[in-house]
Amino acid sequence: MNTRLLLITLLCLANVTFADTTPNYATMPVLHPGTEKRHESFNEISKKGEAQLVFLGDSITHGWDGAKGKAVWEKYWAPLKAANFGIGGDRTEHVLWRLEHGNFDGLKPKAIVLMIGTNNTGHQGRPQKELNGAVYQCSAQQTADGVKAILGKLKAKCPKAKILLLAIFPRGANNADKFRQQNEATNAIIKGFADNKTVFFMDVNAKFLQPDGTLSKEIMPDLLHPNEKGYEIWAEAIQAKVKQLLK
């Protein structure tokens, strides 16, 4: 092999190695530090095998248990034997870890409502303890890859369940917000995961927004998490579809 050919080969190998080692954190299961107790409570619910409807996600889902969402939960979802598997701060990789460590083991729900990914967007640029201090980065495509991996695990664990995949909710004051733009880019990808047999995609984001795309603080005071009015809007928007999937 001549010197020039050897150099080209080495450069090609270097490029392959670089591509193969670039991390996609969104698909790498990892424990979310400090959430062990809540995680274990989900495992206990799973072992009982009673929940017919499960909400899975991050703090926005977790909020159904809080002061802003609880009354709405009791009105809409508690009568349907629902369980809330939301954990504040979770990203796709945290949900993947949970699914590998007992969540849904023993459950045979009829329907699962999944919304995840806004923290994959919003945590960028921050060092993460569970990543040994590495600065977190995650593109729209990588987040979508994480969502796809979650869907795969849910299908494997609950093959008879219908999954309602929700578009990541809007965030930021308006359409100029860079995090909102990335979430919308992720939504454009994950809507393609719906087969309308097992996975159904639903985008209710317009329900939260003004006609010009403005997100009102009367619905999401911090421009990210719904208040009681926001949870009511959410519940009303998906209620009919959820009941359809439960049949």
C-alpha atoms as a PDB file:
ATOM      1  CA  MET A   1       0.000   0.000   0.000  1.00  0.00           C
ATOM      2  CA  ASN A   2       1.488   3.365  -1.029  1.00  0.00           C
ATOM      3  CA  THR A   3       1.772   6.284   1.381  1.00  0.00           C
ATOM      4  CA  ARG A   4      -1.103   8.246  -0.152  1.00  0.00           C
ATOM      5  CA  LEU A   5      -3.505   5.302  -0.006  1.00  0.00           C
ATOM      6  CA  LEU A   6      -2.478   4.575   3.574  1.00  0.00           C
ATOM      7  CA  LEU A   7      -3.161   8.190   4.561  1.00  0.00           C
ATOM      8  CA  ILE A   8      -6.624   8.113   2.944  1.00  0.00           C
ATOM      9  CA  THR A   9      -7.433   4.852   4.730  1.00  0.00           C
ATOM     10  CA  LEU A  10      -6.369   6.255   8.093  1.00  0.00           C
ATOM     11  CA  LEU A  11      -8.453   9.386   7.562  1.00  0.00           C
ATOM     12  CA  CYS A  12     -11.508   7.295   6.693  1.00  0.00           C
ATOM     13  CA  LEU A  13     -11.026   5.182   9.803  1.00  0.00           C
ATOM     14  CA  ALA A  14     -10.686   8.323  11.909  1.00  0.00           C
ATOM     15  CA  ASN A  15     -13.969   9.665  10.547  1.00  0.00           C
ATOM     16  CA  VAL A  16     -15.765   6.382  11.239  1.00  0.00           C
ATOM     17  CA  THR A  17     -14.398   6.297  14.767  1.00  0.00           C
ATOM     18  CA  PHE A  18     -15.490   9.881  15.398  1.00  0.00           C
ATOM     19  CA  ALA A  19     -18.996   9.194  14.096  1.00  0.00           C
ATOM     20  CA  ASP A  20     -19.331   6.022  16.145  1.00  0.00           C
ATOM     21  CA  THR A  21     -18.254   7.668  19.407  1.00  0.00           C
ATOM     22  CA  THR A  22     -20.375  10.817  19.168  1.00  0.00           C
ATOM     23  CA  PRO A  23     -22.865  10.262  22.009  1.00  0.00           C
ATOM     24  CA  ASN A  24     -26.600  10.402  21.620  1.00  0.00           C
ATOM     25  CA  TYR A  25     -27.476  10.883  25.270  1.00  0.00           C
ATOM     26  CA  ALA A  26     -31.194  10.647  24.470  1.00  0.00           C
ATOM     27  CA  THR A  27     -30.934   6.918  23.773  1.00  0.00           C
ATOM     28  CA  MET A  28     -28.485   6.021  26.575  1.00  0.00           C
ATOM     29  CA  PRO A  29     -30.487   4.791  29.614  1.00  0.00           C
ATOM     30  CA  VAL A  30     -29.340   6.475  32.800  1.00  0.00           C
ATOM     31  CA  LEU A  31     -30.732   6.905  36.305  1.00  0.00           C
ATOM     32  CA  HIS A  32     -32.051  10.363  37.131  1.00  0.00           C
ATOM     33  CA  PRO A  33     -30.391  11.023  40.516  1.00  0.00           C
ATOM     34  CA  GLY A  34     -32.791  11.698  43.358  1.00  0.00           C
ATOM     35  CA  THR A  35     -35.824  10.057  41.740  1.00  0.00           C
ATOM     36  CA  GLU A  36     -35.346   6.552  43.116  1.00  0.00           C
ATOM     37  CA  LYS A  37     -38.231   6.721  45.598  1.00  0.00           C
ATOM     38  CA  ARG A  38     -40.785   7.826  43.026  1.00  0.00           C
ATOM     39  CA  HIS A  39     -39.421   5.305  40.539  1.00  0.00           C
ATOM     40  CA  GLU A  40     -39.918   2.515  43.056  1.00  0.00           C
ATOM     41  CA  SER A  41     -43.491   3.669  43.698  1.00  0.00           C
ATOM     42  CA  PHE A  42     -44.164   3.146  39.986  1.00  0.00           C
ATOM     43  CA  ASN A  43     -42.732  -0.348  40.232  1.00  0.00           C
ATOM     44  CA  GLU A  44     -45.151  -1.106  43.051  1.00  0.00           C
ATOM     45  CA  ILE A  45     -48.069   0.152  40.970  1.00  0.00           C
ATOM     46  CA  SER A  46     -46.813  -1.959  38.079  1.00  0.00           C
ATOM     47  CA  LYS A  47     -46.663  -5.117  40.209  1.00  0.00           C
ATOM     48  CA  LYS A  48     -50.302  -4.671  41.231  1.00  0.00           C
ATOM     49  CA  GLY A  49     -51.278  -4.728  37.569  1.00  0.00           C
ATOM     50  CA  GLU A  50     -54.453  -2.707  38.011  1.00  0.00           C
ATOM     51  CA  ALA A  51     -53.899   0.530  36.093  1.00  0.00           C
ATOM     52  CA  GLN A  52     -55.760   0.650  32.785  1.00  0.00           C
ATOM     53  CA  LEU A  53     -54.407   4.045  31.714  1.00  0.00           C
ATOM     54  CA  VAL A  54     -50.877   5.312  32.345  1.00  0.00           C
ATOM     55  CA  PHE A  55     -49.463   8.792  31.782  1.00  0.00           C
ATOM     56  CA  LEU A  56     -45.690   8.685  31.188  1.00  0.00           C
ATOM     57  CA  GLY A  57     -43.428  11.720  31.035  1.00  0.00           C
ATOM     58  CA  ASP A  58     -41.571  14.501  32.825  1.00  0.00           C
ATOM     59  CA  SER A  59     -42.561  17.346  35.176  1.00  0.00           C
ATOM     60  CA  ILE A  60     -45.511  18.365  33.012  1.00  0.00           C
ATOM     61  CA  THR A  61     -46.951  14.878  33.541  1.00  0.00           C
ATOM     62  CA  HIS A  62     -45.729  14.765  37.149  1.00  0.00           C
ATOM     63  CA  GLY A  63     -47.813  17.898  37.712  1.00  0.00           C
ATOM     64  CA  TRP A  64     -51.049  15.915  37.549  1.00  0.00           C
ATOM     65  CA  ASP A  65     -50.175  14.964  41.153  1.00  0.00           C
ATOM     66  CA  GLY A  66     -49.612  18.548  42.264  1.00  0.00           C
ATOM     67  CA  ALA A  67     -51.823  21.406  43.341  1.00  0.00           C
ATOM     68  CA  LYS A  68     -52.287  22.620  39.763  1.00  0.00           C
ATOM     69  CA  GLY A  69     -53.263  19.298  38.237  1.00  0.00           C
ATOM     70  CA  LYS A  70     -54.766  17.123  40.961  1.00  0.00           C
ATOM     71  CA  ALA A  71     -58.364  18.346  40.816  1.00  0.00           C
ATOM     72  CA  VAL A  72     -58.376  17.960  37.040  1.00  0.00           C
ATOM     73  CA  TRP A  73     -56.883  14.465  37.381  1.00  0.00           C
ATOM     74  CA  GLU A  74     -59.601  13.433  39.811  1.00  0.00           C
ATOM     75  CA  LYS A  75     -62.252  14.728  37.442  1.00  0.00           C
ATOM     76  CA  TYR A  76     -61.000  13.188  34.202  1.00  0.00           C
ATOM     77  CA  TRP A  77     -58.546  10.359  34.819  1.00  0.00           C
ATOM     78  CA  ALA A  78     -59.025   8.830  38.272  1.00  0.00           C
ATOM     79  CA  PRO A  79     -62.396   7.304  37.236  1.00  0.00           C
ATOM     80  CA  LEU A  80     -60.566   5.541  34.389  1.00  0.00           C
ATOM     81  CA  LYS A  81     -58.156   3.697  36.745  1.00  0.00           C
ATOM     82  CA  ALA A  82     -55.259   5.865  35.680  1.00  0.00           C
ATOM     83  CA  ALA A  83     -51.713   5.988  37.041  1.00  0.00           C
ATOM     84  CA  ASN A  84     -49.242   8.854  36.760  1.00  0.00           C
ATOM     85  CA  PHE A  85     -45.679   7.819  35.888  1.00  0.00           C
ATOM     86  CA  GLY A  86     -44.304  11.340  35.445  1.00  0.00           C
ATOM     87  CA  ILE A  87     -41.030  12.471  37.037  1.00  0.00           C
ATOM     88  CA  GLY A  88     -39.923  16.090  37.070  1.00  0.00           C
ATOM     89  CA  GLY A  89     -36.757  16.745  35.103  1.00  0.00           C
ATOM     90  CA  ASP A  90     -36.847  13.466  33.199  1.00  0.00           C
ATOM     91  CA  ARG A  91     -35.440  13.234  29.712  1.00  0.00           C
ATOM     92  CA  THR A  92     -35.914  10.369  27.268  1.00  0.00           C
ATOM     93  CA  GLU A  93     -32.855   8.545  28.622  1.00  0.00           C
ATOM     94  CA  HIS A  94     -34.263   8.618  32.156  1.00  0.00           C
ATOM     95  CA  VAL A  95     -37.532   7.093  30.992  1.00  0.00           C
ATOM     96  CA  LEU A  96     -35.588   4.401  29.147  1.00  0.00           C
ATOM     97  CA  TRP A  97     -33.730   3.600  32.375  1.00  0.00           C
ATOM     98  CA  ARG A  98     -36.992   3.354  34.267  1.00  0.00           C
ATOM     99  CA  LEU A  99     -38.436   0.980  31.681  1.00  0.00           C
ATOM    100  CA  GLU A 100     -35.346  -1.203  32.052  1.00  0.00           C
ATOM    101  CA  HIS A 101     -35.703  -1.239  35.849  1.00  0.00           C
ATOM    102  CA  GLY A 102     -39.257  -2.276  36.609  1.00  0.00           C
ATOM    103  CA  ASN A 103     -41.673   0.357  35.362  1.00  0.00           C
ATOM    104  CA  PHE A 104     -44.612  -1.351  33.613  1.00  0.00           C
ATOM    105  CA  ASP A 105     -43.453  -4.837  34.722  1.00  0.00           C
ATOM    106  CA  GLY A 106     -46.738  -6.621  35.447  1.00  0.00           C
ATOM    107  CA  LEU A 107     -48.938  -3.894  33.976  1.00  0.00           C
ATOM    108  CA  LYS A 108     -51.308  -4.551  31.098  1.00  0.00           C
ATOM    109  CA  PRO A 109     -52.793  -1.103  30.472  1.00  0.00           C
ATOM    110  CA  LYS A 110     -55.253  -0.531  27.679  1.00  0.00           C
ATOM    111  CA  ALA A 111     -53.778   2.892  26.918  1.00  0.00           C
ATOM    112  CA  ILE A 112     -50.600   4.870  27.587  1.00  0.00           C
ATOM    113  CA  VAL A 113     -50.265   8.634  27.156  1.00  0.00           C
ATOM    114  CA  LEU A 114     -46.652   9.573  26.431  1.00  0.00           C
ATOM    115  CA  MET A 115     -45.145  13.042  26.285  1.00  0.00           C
ATOM    116  CA  ILE A 116     -41.393  13.460  26.733  1.00  0.00           C
ATOM    117  CA  GLY A 117     -38.553  15.502  25.294  1.00  0.00           C
ATOM    118  CA  THR A 118     -38.787  19.110  26.450  1.00  0.00           C
ATOM    119  CA  ASN A 119     -35.941  18.561  28.929  1.00  0.00           C
ATOM    120  CA  ASN A 120     -33.765  17.057  26.210  1.00  0.00           C
ATOM    121  CA  THR A 121     -34.127  20.477  24.612  1.00  0.00           C
ATOM    122  CA  GLY A 122     -34.022  22.687  27.685  1.00  0.00           C
ATOM    123  CA  HIS A 123     -31.135  21.033  29.537  1.00  0.00           C
ATOM    124  CA  GLN A 124     -28.649  21.730  26.761  1.00  0.00           C
ATOM    125  CA  GLY A 125     -25.495  23.499  27.838  1.00  0.00           C
ATOM    126  CA  ARG A 126     -25.804  22.307  31.442  1.00  0.00           C
ATOM    127  CA  PRO A 127     -23.353  19.920  33.118  1.00  0.00           C
ATOM    128  CA  GLN A 128     -25.169  16.755  34.230  1.00  0.00           C
ATOM    129  CA  LYS A 129     -24.269  14.804  37.360  1.00  0.00           C
ATOM    130  CA  GLU A 130     -25.407  11.489  35.871  1.00  0.00           C
ATOM    131  CA  LEU A 131     -23.063  12.121  32.913  1.00  0.00           C
ATOM    132  CA  ASN A 132     -20.058  12.690  35.183  1.00  0.00           C
ATOM    133  CA  GLY A 133     -20.344  16.422  34.675  1.00  0.00           C
ATOM    134  CA  ALA A 134     -20.439  16.332  30.877  1.00  0.00           C
ATOM    135  CA  VAL A 135     -22.198  19.289  29.266  1.00  0.00           C
ATOM    136  CA  TYR A 136     -25.497  18.072  27.869  1.00  0.00           C
ATOM    137  CA  GLN A 137     -26.314  18.385  24.178  1.00  0.00           C
ATOM    138  CA  CYS A 138     -29.242  16.920  22.277  1.00  0.00           C
ATOM    139  CA  SER A 139     -30.596  17.720  18.829  1.00  0.00           C
ATOM    140  CA  ALA A 140     -34.196  17.402  17.652  1.00  0.00           C
ATOM    141  CA  GLN A 141     -33.314  14.200  15.794  1.00  0.00           C
ATOM    142  CA  GLN A 142     -31.575  12.740  18.835  1.00  0.00           C
ATOM    143  CA  THR A 143     -34.574  13.504  21.031  1.00  0.00           C
ATOM    144  CA  ALA A 144     -36.814  11.835  18.463  1.00  0.00           C
ATOM    145  CA  ASP A 145     -34.507   8.806  18.528  1.00  0.00           C
ATOM    146  CA  GLY A 146     -35.021   8.654  22.287  1.00  0.00           C
ATOM    147  CA  VAL A 147     -38.798   8.828  21.896  1.00  0.00           C
ATOM    148  CA  LYS A 148     -38.648   6.035  19.320  1.00  0.00           C
ATOM    149  CA  ALA A 149     -36.634   3.874  21.722  1.00  0.00           C
ATOM    150  CA  ILE A 150     -39.249   4.443  24.447  1.00  0.00           C
ATOM    151  CA  LEU A 151     -42.027   3.423  22.078  1.00  0.00           C
ATOM    152  CA  GLY A 152     -40.126   0.248  21.276  1.00  0.00           C
ATOM    153  CA  LYS A 153     -39.823  -0.686  24.938  1.00  0.00           C
ATOM    154  CA  LEU A 154     -43.484   0.096  25.640  1.00  0.00           C
ATOM    155  CA  LYS A 155     -44.581  -2.081  22.725  1.00  0.00           C
ATOM    156  CA  ALA A 156     -42.414  -4.926  24.000  1.00  0.00           C
ATOM    157  CA  LYS A 157     -43.708  -4.661  27.569  1.00  0.00           C
ATOM    158  CA  CYS A 158     -47.344  -3.874  26.776  1.00  0.00           C
ATOM    159  CA  PRO A 159     -48.036  -5.299  23.312  1.00  0.00           C
ATOM    160  CA  LYS A 160     -51.802  -4.876  23.592  1.00  0.00           C
ATOM    161  CA  ALA A 161     -51.705  -1.258  24.771  1.00  0.00           C
ATOM    162  CA  LYS A 162     -52.604   1.661  22.562  1.00  0.00           C
ATOM    163  CA  ILE A 163     -50.083   4.493  22.880  1.00  0.00           C
ATOM    164  CA  LEU A 164     -51.153   8.123  22.514  1.00  0.00           C
ATOM    165  CA  LEU A 165     -47.959  10.001  21.656  1.00  0.00           C
ATOM    166  CA  LEU A 166     -48.384  13.711  22.301  1.00  0.00           C
ATOM    167  CA  ALA A 167     -46.465  16.499  20.652  1.00  0.00           C
ATOM    168  CA  ILE A 168     -44.106  18.159  23.120  1.00  0.00           C
ATOM    169  CA  PHE A 169     -45.952  21.155  24.557  1.00  0.00           C
ATOM    170  CA  PRO A 170     -45.006  24.694  23.490  1.00  0.00           C
ATOM    171  CA  ARG A 171     -42.587  26.635  25.655  1.00  0.00           C
ATOM    172  CA  GLY A 172     -41.257  30.175  25.629  1.00  0.00           C
ATOM    173  CA  ALA A 173     -43.169  33.380  25.022  1.00  0.00           C
ATOM    174  CA  ASN A 174     -43.533  33.068  21.255  1.00  0.00           C
ATOM    175  CA  ASN A 175     -42.383  31.345  18.087  1.00  0.00           C
ATOM    176  CA  ALA A 176     -38.987  33.051  18.251  1.00  0.00           C
ATOM    177  CA  ASP A 177     -38.003  31.015  21.321  1.00  0.00           C
ATOM    178  CA  LYS A 178     -35.163  28.686  20.301  1.00  0.00           C
ATOM    179  CA  PHE A 179     -36.283  25.902  22.615  1.00  0.00           C
ATOM    180  CA  ARG A 180     -39.797  26.020  21.229  1.00  0.00           C
ATOM    181  CA  GLN A 181     -38.372  25.840  17.733  1.00  0.00           C
ATOM    182  CA  GLN A 182     -36.375  22.739  18.607  1.00  0.00           C
ATOM    183  CA  ASN A 183     -39.384  21.087  20.230  1.00  0.00           C
ATOM    184  CA  GLU A 184     -41.382  21.744  17.082  1.00  0.00           C
ATOM    185  CA  ALA A 185     -38.589  20.197  15.015  1.00  0.00           C
ATOM    186  CA  THR A 186     -38.760  17.117  17.245  1.00  0.00           C
ATOM    187  CA  ASN A 187     -42.543  17.017  16.902  1.00  0.00           C
ATOM    188  CA  ALA A 188     -42.233  17.072  13.126  1.00  0.00           C
ATOM    189  CA  ILE A 189     -40.169  13.880  13.351  1.00  0.00           C
ATOM    190  CA  ILE A 190     -42.065  11.938  16.015  1.00  0.00           C
ATOM    191  CA  LYS A 191     -45.443  12.388  14.350  1.00  0.00           C
ATOM    192  CA  GLY A 192     -44.101   9.961  11.770  1.00  0.00           C
ATOM    193  CA  PHE A 193     -43.904   7.235  14.433  1.00  0.00           C
ATOM    194  CA  ALA A 194     -47.686   6.866  14.472  1.00  0.00           C
ATOM    195  CA  ASP A 195     -49.095   3.843  12.674  1.00  0.00           C
ATOM    196  CA  ASN A 196     -52.678   4.485  13.850  1.00  0.00           C
ATOM    197  CA  LYS A 197     -52.836   0.882  15.013  1.00  0.00           C
ATOM    198  CA  THR A 198     -50.662   0.817  18.112  1.00  0.00           C
ATOM    199  CA  VAL A 199     -49.245   4.344  18.191  1.00  0.00           C
ATOM    200  CA  PHE A 200     -51.413   7.418  17.673  1.00  0.00           C
ATOM    201  CA  PHE A 201     -49.980  10.937  17.441  1.00  0.00           C
ATOM    202  CA  MET A 202     -51.841  13.990  18.689  1.00  0.00           C
ATOM    203  CA  ASP A 203     -50.761  17.633  18.648  1.00  0.00           C
ATOM    204  CA  VAL A 204     -52.892  19.776  20.971  1.00  0.00           C
ATOM    205  CA  ASN A 205     -50.428  22.672  21.177  1.00  0.00           C
ATOM    206  CA  ALA A 206     -52.703  25.137  19.402  1.00  0.00           C
ATOM    207  CA  LYS A 207     -55.104  24.835  22.341  1.00  0.00           C
ATOM    208  CA  PHE A 208     -52.555  26.582  24.567  1.00  0.00           C
ATOM    209  CA  LEU A 209     -51.573  29.373  22.183  1.00  0.00           C
ATOM    210  CA  GLN A 210     -52.956  32.679  21.018  1.00  0.00           C
ATOM    211  CA  PRO A 211     -53.561  33.005  17.244  1.00  0.00           C
ATOM    212  CA  ASP A 212     -50.170  34.741  16.857  1.00  0.00           C
ATOM    213  CA  GLY A 213     -48.346  31.902  18.628  1.00  0.00           C
ATOM    214  CA  THR A 214     -47.997  33.679  21.954  1.00  0.00           C
ATOM    215  CA  LEU A 215     -48.050  31.463  25.044  1.00  0.00           C
ATOM    216  CA  SER A 216     -50.043  33.136  27.797  1.00  0.00           C
ATOM    217  CA  LYS A 217     -48.813  33.158  31.384  1.00  0.00           C
ATOM    218  CA  GLU A 218     -52.465  32.712  32.341  1.00  0.00           C
ATOM    219  CA  ILE A 219     -52.086  29.120  31.102  1.00  0.00           C
ATOM    220  CA  MET A 220     -48.382  28.446  31.710  1.00  0.00           C
ATOM    221  CA  PRO A 221     -47.085  31.007  34.230  1.00  0.00           C
ATOM    222  CA  ASP A 222     -43.431  30.040  33.688  1.00  0.00           C
ATOM    223  CA  LEU A 223     -43.970  29.541  29.934  1.00  0.00           C
ATOM    224  CA  LEU A 224     -43.355  25.808  30.376  1.00  0.00           C
ATOM    225  CA  HIS A 225     -45.617  24.180  32.998  1.00  0.00           C
ATOM    226  CA  PRO A 226     -49.424  24.380  32.886  1.00  0.00           C
ATOM    227  CA  ASN A 227     -51.437  25.784  35.765  1.00  0.00           C
ATOM    228  CA  GLU A 228     -54.890  24.413  36.655  1.00  0.00           C
ATOM    229  CA  LYS A 229     -56.410  26.100  33.621  1.00  0.00           C
ATOM    230  CA  GLY A 230     -53.713  24.556  31.459  1.00  0.00           C
ATOM    231  CA  TYR A 231     -54.345  21.071  32.822  1.00  0.00           C
ATOM    232  CA  GLU A 232     -58.052  21.509  32.145  1.00  0.00           C
ATOM    233  CA  ILE A 233     -57.262  22.472  28.536  1.00  0.00           C
ATOM    234  CA  TRP A 234     -55.004  19.437  28.208  1.00  0.00           C
ATOM    235  CA  ALA A 235     -57.582  17.038  29.630  1.00  0.00           C
ATOM    236  CA  GLU A 236     -60.395  18.376  27.466  1.00  0.00           C
ATOM    237  CA  ALA A 237     -58.228  18.171  24.360  1.00  0.00           C
ATOM    238  CA  ILE A 238     -57.369  14.478  24.701  1.00  0.00           C
ATOM    239  CA  GLN A 239     -60.325  13.087  26.659  1.00  0.00           C
ATOM    240  CA  ALA A 240     -62.287  11.791  23.677  1.00  0.00           C
ATOM    241  CA  LYS A 241     -59.222  10.131  22.110  1.00  0.00           C
ATOM    242  CA  VAL A 242     -58.183   8.510  25.374  1.00  0.00           C
ATOM    243  CA  LYS A 243     -61.651   7.039  25.903  1.00  0.00           C
ATOM    244  CA  GLN A 244     -61.627   5.748  22.340  1.00  0.00           C
ATOM    245  CA  LEU A 245     -58.302   3.994  22.910  1.00  0.00           C
ATOM    246  CA  LEU A 246     -59.546   2.466  26.174  1.00  0.00           C
ATOM    247  CA  LYS A 247     -62.413   0.692  24.442  1.00  0.00           C
END
